Amino acid sequence: MYLVEKWLDENKRAFETRLNASDPATAKLYKFVDFTVEKAQSPVHSLIHEFVMTVRKESVIKHLRDLMNNYSAENILTSIINQGIESGEFRPLNARTASEILVTMLEGLTMKWYFRQKDISLLRRTVKTAINIYLEGLLTK
């Protein structure tokens, strides 16, 4: 469990160091997508996901849930999306739901990539297309 917590904390800090306060929300979301692709290449990423998916003990599941809630990418993304809404870059919507959709979409694409192709250039192209489609739904017209 310690390794999961350490990994989540390191990833959160690593992503936050890439963000500039002056960047528009769209640029920050693109940085998140790039970070996700880089992270997907790590064997630790796959091991953590495999561990989380196989846990059956309720106390461990509760602890994992608490960790995910404290260190989740959704927290950072919700803040970014709210920034975009407040600046008029994004249309008004539920930022938490939008962040959960983005994370779930990217996790699904990276898991599919991991178990199928393992072609990093294909993953980059796929997530770039996905974020462009996603942003079409967020951006003000």
C-alpha atoms as a PDB file:
ATOM      1  CA  MET A   1       0.000   0.000   0.000  1.00  0.00           C
ATOM      2  CA  TYR A   2       2.916   2.299   0.734  1.00  0.00           C
ATOM      3  CA  LEU A   3       4.118   1.966  -2.864  1.00  0.00           C
ATOM      4  CA  VAL A   4       0.700   2.895  -4.245  1.00  0.00           C
ATOM      5  CA  GLU A   5       0.571   6.007  -2.045  1.00  0.00           C
ATOM      6  CA  LYS A   6       4.133   6.967  -2.968  1.00  0.00           C
ATOM      7  CA  TRP A   7       3.448   6.474  -6.682  1.00  0.00           C
ATOM      8  CA  LEU A   8       0.255   8.552  -6.570  1.00  0.00           C
ATOM      9  CA  ASP A   9       1.986  11.348  -4.662  1.00  0.00           C
ATOM     10  CA  GLU A  10       4.986  11.390  -7.017  1.00  0.00           C
ATOM     11  CA  ASN A  11       2.727  11.513 -10.075  1.00  0.00           C
ATOM     12  CA  LYS A  12       0.657  14.339  -8.643  1.00  0.00           C
ATOM     13  CA  ARG A  13       3.767  16.389  -7.844  1.00  0.00           C
ATOM     14  CA  ALA A  14       5.367  15.600 -11.218  1.00  0.00           C
ATOM     15  CA  PHE A  15       2.287  16.793 -13.096  1.00  0.00           C
ATOM     16  CA  GLU A  16       1.839  19.908 -10.970  1.00  0.00           C
ATOM     17  CA  THR A  17       5.435  20.989 -11.717  1.00  0.00           C
ATOM     18  CA  ARG A  18       4.541  21.147 -15.420  1.00  0.00           C
ATOM     19  CA  LEU A  19       1.711  23.607 -14.908  1.00  0.00           C
ATOM     20  CA  ASN A  20       2.153  27.345 -15.279  1.00  0.00           C
ATOM     21  CA  ALA A  21      -0.464  29.506 -13.600  1.00  0.00           C
ATOM     22  CA  SER A  22      -0.637  31.698 -16.705  1.00  0.00           C
ATOM     23  CA  ASP A  23      -1.393  28.785 -19.067  1.00  0.00           C
ATOM     24  CA  PRO A  24      -4.941  28.626 -20.397  1.00  0.00           C
ATOM     25  CA  ALA A  25      -6.963  25.629 -19.241  1.00  0.00           C
ATOM     26  CA  THR A  26      -6.764  24.006 -22.677  1.00  0.00           C
ATOM     27  CA  ALA A  27      -2.948  24.037 -22.557  1.00  0.00           C
ATOM     28  CA  LYS A  28      -3.044  22.480 -19.091  1.00  0.00           C
ATOM     29  CA  LEU A  29      -5.328  19.694 -20.321  1.00  0.00           C
ATOM     30  CA  TYR A  30      -2.948  18.987 -23.214  1.00  0.00           C
ATOM     31  CA  LYS A  31      -0.117  18.780 -20.675  1.00  0.00           C
ATOM     32  CA  PHE A  32      -2.155  16.281 -18.688  1.00  0.00           C
ATOM     33  CA  VAL A  33      -2.657  14.146 -21.802  1.00  0.00           C
ATOM     34  CA  ASP A  34       1.082  14.236 -22.566  1.00  0.00           C
ATOM     35  CA  PHE A  35       1.842  13.316 -18.957  1.00  0.00           C
ATOM     36  CA  THR A  36      -0.620  10.409 -19.147  1.00  0.00           C
ATOM     37  CA  VAL A  37       1.107   9.016 -22.234  1.00  0.00           C
ATOM     38  CA  GLU A  38       4.512   9.252 -20.557  1.00  0.00           C
ATOM     39  CA  LYS A  39       3.180   7.621 -17.404  1.00  0.00           C
ATOM     40  CA  ALA A  40       1.590   4.782 -19.399  1.00  0.00           C
ATOM     41  CA  GLN A  41       5.046   3.651 -20.524  1.00  0.00           C
ATOM     42  CA  SER A  42       6.134   2.953 -16.951  1.00  0.00           C
ATOM     43  CA  PRO A  43       5.886  -0.671 -15.794  1.00  0.00           C
ATOM     44  CA  VAL A  44       4.905   0.649 -12.363  1.00  0.00           C
ATOM     45  CA  HIS A  45       1.760   2.131 -13.886  1.00  0.00           C
ATOM     46  CA  SER A  46       0.663  -1.293 -15.101  1.00  0.00           C
ATOM     47  CA  LEU A  47       1.551  -3.007 -11.835  1.00  0.00           C
ATOM     48  CA  ILE A  48      -0.409  -0.481  -9.772  1.00  0.00           C
ATOM     49  CA  HIS A  49      -3.471  -0.860 -12.000  1.00  0.00           C
ATOM     50  CA  GLU A  50      -3.238  -4.652 -11.854  1.00  0.00           C
ATOM     51  CA  PHE A  51      -2.943  -4.551  -8.064  1.00  0.00           C
ATOM     52  CA  VAL A  52      -5.923  -2.212  -7.698  1.00  0.00           C
ATOM     53  CA  MET A  53      -8.077  -4.380  -9.984  1.00  0.00           C
ATOM     54  CA  THR A  54      -7.349  -7.610  -8.062  1.00  0.00           C
ATOM     55  CA  VAL A  55      -7.796  -6.441  -4.463  1.00  0.00           C
ATOM     56  CA  ARG A  56     -10.700  -8.179  -2.713  1.00  0.00           C
ATOM     57  CA  LYS A  57     -10.156  -7.343   0.959  1.00  0.00           C
ATOM     58  CA  GLU A  58     -12.655  -4.641   1.937  1.00  0.00           C
ATOM     59  CA  SER A  59     -10.267  -2.757   4.258  1.00  0.00           C
ATOM     60  CA  VAL A  60      -7.666  -2.534   1.466  1.00  0.00           C
ATOM     61  CA  ILE A  61     -10.316  -1.417  -1.018  1.00  0.00           C
ATOM     62  CA  LYS A  62     -11.434   1.320   1.395  1.00  0.00           C
ATOM     63  CA  HIS A  63      -7.834   2.475   1.882  1.00  0.00           C
ATOM     64  CA  LEU A  64      -7.255   2.504  -1.887  1.00  0.00           C
ATOM     65  CA  ARG A  65     -10.465   4.485  -2.376  1.00  0.00           C
ATOM     66  CA  ASP A  66      -9.319   7.047   0.198  1.00  0.00           C
ATOM     67  CA  LEU A  67      -5.914   7.312  -1.497  1.00  0.00           C
ATOM     68  CA  MET A  68      -7.490   7.766  -4.912  1.00  0.00           C
ATOM     69  CA  ASN A  69      -9.799  10.471  -3.561  1.00  0.00           C
ATOM     70  CA  ASN A  70      -6.872  12.369  -2.011  1.00  0.00           C
ATOM     71  CA  TYR A  71      -4.415  12.043  -4.896  1.00  0.00           C
ATOM     72  CA  SER A  72      -6.710  11.683  -7.863  1.00  0.00           C
ATOM     73  CA  ALA A  73      -6.088  13.382 -11.156  1.00  0.00           C
ATOM     74  CA  GLU A  74      -9.756  14.341 -11.091  1.00  0.00           C
ATOM     75  CA  ASN A  75      -9.033  16.845  -8.298  1.00  0.00           C
ATOM     76  CA  ILE A  76      -6.396  18.635 -10.352  1.00  0.00           C
ATOM     77  CA  LEU A  77      -8.453  18.430 -13.549  1.00  0.00           C
ATOM     78  CA  THR A  78     -11.579  19.727 -11.826  1.00  0.00           C
ATOM     79  CA  SER A  79      -9.613  22.785 -10.787  1.00  0.00           C
ATOM     80  CA  ILE A  80      -8.275  23.255 -14.330  1.00  0.00           C
ATOM     81  CA  ILE A  81     -11.724  22.881 -15.885  1.00  0.00           C
ATOM     82  CA  ASN A  82     -13.205  25.318 -13.352  1.00  0.00           C
ATOM     83  CA  GLN A  83     -10.463  27.773 -14.339  1.00  0.00           C
ATOM     84  CA  GLY A  84     -11.529  27.370 -17.969  1.00  0.00           C
ATOM     85  CA  ILE A  85     -15.173  27.932 -17.087  1.00  0.00           C
ATOM     86  CA  GLU A  86     -14.384  31.038 -15.028  1.00  0.00           C
ATOM     87  CA  SER A  87     -12.212  32.507 -17.783  1.00  0.00           C
ATOM     88  CA  GLY A  88     -14.871  31.863 -20.424  1.00  0.00           C
ATOM     89  CA  GLU A  89     -12.661  29.384 -22.264  1.00  0.00           C
ATOM     90  CA  PHE A  90     -15.066  26.510 -21.453  1.00  0.00           C
ATOM     91  CA  ARG A  91     -18.826  26.540 -21.376  1.00  0.00           C
ATOM     92  CA  PRO A  92     -20.549  26.134 -17.993  1.00  0.00           C
ATOM     93  CA  LEU A  93     -20.780  22.491 -16.945  1.00  0.00           C
ATOM     94  CA  ASN A  94     -20.092  20.194 -14.012  1.00  0.00           C
ATOM     95  CA  ALA A  95     -16.287  20.303 -13.831  1.00  0.00           C
ATOM     96  CA  ARG A  96     -16.007  17.206 -11.631  1.00  0.00           C
ATOM     97  CA  THR A  97     -18.020  15.112 -14.057  1.00  0.00           C
ATOM     98  CA  ALA A  98     -15.999  16.454 -16.989  1.00  0.00           C
ATOM     99  CA  SER A  99     -12.741  15.569 -15.215  1.00  0.00           C
ATOM    100  CA  GLU A 100     -13.972  12.044 -14.434  1.00  0.00           C
ATOM    101  CA  ILE A 101     -14.909  11.564 -18.083  1.00  0.00           C
ATOM    102  CA  LEU A 102     -11.460  12.676 -19.245  1.00  0.00           C
ATOM    103  CA  VAL A 103      -9.617  10.429 -16.784  1.00  0.00           C
ATOM    104  CA  THR A 104     -11.806   7.425 -17.587  1.00  0.00           C
ATOM    105  CA  MET A 105     -11.385   7.974 -21.317  1.00  0.00           C
ATOM    106  CA  LEU A 106      -7.592   8.179 -21.023  1.00  0.00           C
ATOM    107  CA  GLU A 107      -7.353   5.213 -18.647  1.00  0.00           C
ATOM    108  CA  GLY A 108      -9.395   3.122 -21.063  1.00  0.00           C
ATOM    109  CA  LEU A 109      -7.220   4.104 -24.005  1.00  0.00           C
ATOM    110  CA  THR A 110      -3.987   3.421 -22.127  1.00  0.00           C
ATOM    111  CA  MET A 111      -5.208   0.048 -20.836  1.00  0.00           C
ATOM    112  CA  LYS A 112      -6.262  -0.962 -24.339  1.00  0.00           C
ATOM    113  CA  TRP A 113      -2.871   0.159 -25.628  1.00  0.00           C
ATOM    114  CA  TYR A 114      -1.044  -1.742 -22.898  1.00  0.00           C
ATOM    115  CA  PHE A 115      -2.805  -5.024 -23.609  1.00  0.00           C
ATOM    116  CA  ARG A 116      -2.837  -4.746 -27.385  1.00  0.00           C
ATOM    117  CA  GLN A 117      -0.370  -2.743 -29.426  1.00  0.00           C
ATOM    118  CA  LYS A 118       2.277  -1.223 -27.158  1.00  0.00           C
ATOM    119  CA  ASP A 119       3.026   1.169 -30.023  1.00  0.00           C
ATOM    120  CA  ILE A 120       3.656   4.485 -28.257  1.00  0.00           C
ATOM    121  CA  SER A 121       3.222   6.557 -31.412  1.00  0.00           C
ATOM    122  CA  LEU A 122      -0.220   5.000 -31.902  1.00  0.00           C
ATOM    123  CA  LEU A 123      -1.146   5.823 -28.303  1.00  0.00           C
ATOM    124  CA  ARG A 124       0.007   9.433 -28.765  1.00  0.00           C
ATOM    125  CA  ARG A 125      -2.084   9.830 -31.922  1.00  0.00           C
ATOM    126  CA  THR A 126      -5.113   8.183 -30.330  1.00  0.00           C
ATOM    127  CA  VAL A 127      -5.095  10.300 -27.161  1.00  0.00           C
ATOM    128  CA  LYS A 128      -4.483  13.463 -29.196  1.00  0.00           C
ATOM    129  CA  THR A 129      -7.588  12.681 -31.237  1.00  0.00           C
ATOM    130  CA  ALA A 130      -9.508  11.870 -28.053  1.00  0.00           C
ATOM    131  CA  ILE A 131      -8.567  15.141 -26.300  1.00  0.00           C
ATOM    132  CA  ASN A 132      -9.456  17.138 -29.408  1.00  0.00           C
ATOM    133  CA  ILE A 133     -12.907  15.510 -29.519  1.00  0.00           C
ATOM    134  CA  TYR A 134     -13.294  16.018 -25.752  1.00  0.00           C
ATOM    135  CA  LEU A 135     -12.358  19.699 -25.963  1.00  0.00           C
ATOM    136  CA  GLU A 136     -14.965  20.266 -28.686  1.00  0.00           C
ATOM    137  CA  GLY A 137     -17.548  19.535 -26.015  1.00  0.00           C
ATOM    138  CA  LEU A 138     -15.953  21.908 -23.464  1.00  0.00           C
ATOM    139  CA  LEU A 139     -14.994  24.925 -25.514  1.00  0.00           C
ATOM    140  CA  THR A 140     -17.322  27.854 -25.810  1.00  0.00           C
ATOM    141  CA  LYS A 141     -18.508  28.340 -29.363  1.00  0.00           C
END
